[in-house]
Amino acid sequence: MKRKVSELVKSNYCSFSHLRRGMLYYTISENVDPRTVNTYMFPIPITELGDSSINVREKAIKLIVWIKKAIKEDTFLFYSQIKL
């Protein structure tokens, strides 16, 4: 990931991917250039959500705490690249 976290989440959305072993996995995409989109995946421990709702699509800014945590813990992973 080349951009700062604040730039990545600005006007962006995350998409719920799957639930496995007590972890929710979300993806977030960034336009690397006009013809390339990189997608990253990061986990959110379900125990940290309390009674929050799990949405299929969520504003990235609402998940910034977990995005930063995943980057720090090296669990913010490259998922795919699409060339348009």
C-alpha atoms as a PDB file:
ATOM      1  CA  MET A   1       0.000   0.000   0.000  1.00  0.00           C
ATOM      2  CA  LYS A   2       1.536   3.269  -1.112  1.00  0.00           C
ATOM      3  CA  ARG A   3      -0.918   5.785   0.314  1.00  0.00           C
ATOM      4  CA  LYS A   4      -1.438   6.969   3.865  1.00  0.00           C
ATOM      5  CA  VAL A   5      -4.301   5.371   5.762  1.00  0.00           C
ATOM      6  CA  SER A   6      -6.201   8.674   5.869  1.00  0.00           C
ATOM      7  CA  GLU A   7      -6.059   8.892   2.064  1.00  0.00           C
ATOM      8  CA  LEU A   8      -7.127   5.259   1.684  1.00  0.00           C
ATOM      9  CA  VAL A   9     -10.260   5.628   3.820  1.00  0.00           C
ATOM     10  CA  LYS A  10     -11.320   9.061   2.554  1.00  0.00           C
ATOM     11  CA  SER A  11     -14.526   8.665   0.505  1.00  0.00           C
ATOM     12  CA  ASN A  12     -13.976   4.898   0.376  1.00  0.00           C
ATOM     13  CA  TYR A  13     -15.933   1.823   1.462  1.00  0.00           C
ATOM     14  CA  CYS A  14     -15.075  -1.598   2.871  1.00  0.00           C
ATOM     15  CA  SER A  15     -16.912  -4.770   1.917  1.00  0.00           C
ATOM     16  CA  PHE A  16     -17.570  -7.720   4.217  1.00  0.00           C
ATOM     17  CA  SER A  17     -15.909 -10.823   2.818  1.00  0.00           C
ATOM     18  CA  HIS A  18     -16.371 -13.671   5.302  1.00  0.00           C
ATOM     19  CA  LEU A  19     -16.389 -14.826   8.927  1.00  0.00           C
ATOM     20  CA  ARG A  20     -13.914 -17.440  10.125  1.00  0.00           C
ATOM     21  CA  ARG A  21     -12.781 -18.521  13.591  1.00  0.00           C
ATOM     22  CA  GLY A  22     -14.197 -15.483  15.341  1.00  0.00           C
ATOM     23  CA  MET A  23     -12.804 -12.981  12.843  1.00  0.00           C
ATOM     24  CA  LEU A  24     -14.730 -10.865  10.363  1.00  0.00           C
ATOM     25  CA  TYR A  25     -12.790 -10.177   7.182  1.00  0.00           C
ATOM     26  CA  TYR A  26     -13.317  -6.982   5.229  1.00  0.00           C
ATOM     27  CA  THR A  27     -11.768  -5.831   1.955  1.00  0.00           C
ATOM     28  CA  ILE A  28     -10.878  -2.334   0.829  1.00  0.00           C
ATOM     29  CA  SER A  29      -9.761  -1.274  -2.651  1.00  0.00           C
ATOM     30  CA  GLU A  30      -7.579   1.548  -3.919  1.00  0.00           C
ATOM     31  CA  ASN A  31      -6.943   2.880  -7.390  1.00  0.00           C
ATOM     32  CA  VAL A  32      -3.204   2.616  -7.939  1.00  0.00           C
ATOM     33  CA  ASP A  33      -3.477   4.295 -11.325  1.00  0.00           C
ATOM     34  CA  PRO A  34      -6.342   4.853 -13.785  1.00  0.00           C
ATOM     35  CA  ARG A  35      -6.133   1.231 -14.971  1.00  0.00           C
ATOM     36  CA  THR A  36      -5.185  -0.689 -11.806  1.00  0.00           C
ATOM     37  CA  VAL A  37      -7.154  -1.463  -8.643  1.00  0.00           C
ATOM     38  CA  ASN A  38      -5.515  -3.153  -5.646  1.00  0.00           C
ATOM     39  CA  THR A  39      -7.653  -4.834  -2.997  1.00  0.00           C
ATOM     40  CA  TYR A  40      -6.542  -5.536   0.569  1.00  0.00           C
ATOM     41  CA  MET A  41      -8.099  -7.695   3.286  1.00  0.00           C
ATOM     42  CA  PHE A  42      -8.024  -7.150   7.041  1.00  0.00           C
ATOM     43  CA  PRO A  43      -9.560  -8.898  10.079  1.00  0.00           C
ATOM     44  CA  ILE A  44     -11.791  -7.566  12.837  1.00  0.00           C
ATOM     45  CA  PRO A  45     -12.183  -9.739  15.956  1.00  0.00           C
ATOM     46  CA  ILE A  46     -15.901 -10.331  16.422  1.00  0.00           C
ATOM     47  CA  THR A  47     -15.437  -9.960  20.198  1.00  0.00           C
ATOM     48  CA  GLU A  48     -14.485  -6.295  19.711  1.00  0.00           C
ATOM     49  CA  LEU A  49     -17.798  -5.403  18.074  1.00  0.00           C
ATOM     50  CA  GLY A  50     -20.014  -5.690  21.122  1.00  0.00           C
ATOM     51  CA  ASP A  51     -23.609  -5.316  19.945  1.00  0.00           C
ATOM     52  CA  SER A  52     -22.694  -3.473  16.718  1.00  0.00           C
ATOM     53  CA  SER A  53     -24.257  -4.436  13.418  1.00  0.00           C
ATOM     54  CA  ILE A  54     -22.255  -6.221  10.741  1.00  0.00           C
ATOM     55  CA  ASN A  55     -22.873  -4.496   7.428  1.00  0.00           C
ATOM     56  CA  VAL A  56     -22.007  -5.870   4.000  1.00  0.00           C
ATOM     57  CA  ARG A  57     -20.774  -2.425   2.944  1.00  0.00           C
ATOM     58  CA  GLU A  58     -19.388   0.044   5.454  1.00  0.00           C
ATOM     59  CA  LYS A  59     -17.745   3.459   5.218  1.00  0.00           C
ATOM     60  CA  ALA A  60     -14.007   2.861   5.538  1.00  0.00           C
ATOM     61  CA  ILE A  61     -13.602   5.710   8.017  1.00  0.00           C
ATOM     62  CA  LYS A  62     -15.760   3.750  10.483  1.00  0.00           C
ATOM     63  CA  LEU A  63     -13.281   0.862  10.326  1.00  0.00           C
ATOM     64  CA  ILE A  64     -10.090   2.942  10.483  1.00  0.00           C
ATOM     65  CA  VAL A  65      -9.212   1.665  13.974  1.00  0.00           C
ATOM     66  CA  TRP A  66      -9.069  -1.929  12.705  1.00  0.00           C
ATOM     67  CA  ILE A  67      -7.333  -0.954   9.456  1.00  0.00           C
ATOM     68  CA  LYS A  68      -4.552   0.766  11.437  1.00  0.00           C
ATOM     69  CA  LYS A  69      -4.373  -2.178  13.850  1.00  0.00           C
ATOM     70  CA  ALA A  70      -4.080  -4.639  10.943  1.00  0.00           C
ATOM     71  CA  ILE A  71      -1.283  -2.603   9.354  1.00  0.00           C
ATOM     72  CA  LYS A  72       0.559  -2.459  12.681  1.00  0.00           C
ATOM     73  CA  GLU A  73       0.119  -6.213  13.294  1.00  0.00           C
ATOM     74  CA  ASP A  74       0.959  -7.064   9.661  1.00  0.00           C
ATOM     75  CA  THR A  75      -2.473  -8.612   9.025  1.00  0.00           C
ATOM     76  CA  PHE A  76      -3.456  -6.013   6.396  1.00  0.00           C
ATOM     77  CA  LEU A  77      -2.897  -8.266   3.409  1.00  0.00           C
ATOM     78  CA  PHE A  78      -2.761  -7.764  -0.340  1.00  0.00           C
ATOM     79  CA  TYR A  79      -5.749  -9.666  -1.741  1.00  0.00           C
ATOM     80  CA  SER A  80      -5.952  -9.008  -5.487  1.00  0.00           C
ATOM     81  CA  GLN A  81      -5.116  -6.719  -8.360  1.00  0.00           C
ATOM     82  CA  ILE A  82      -7.384  -5.915 -11.278  1.00  0.00           C
ATOM     83  CA  LYS A  83      -6.060  -4.405 -14.494  1.00  0.00           C
ATOM     84  CA  LEU A  84      -8.750  -2.558 -16.408  1.00  0.00           C
END
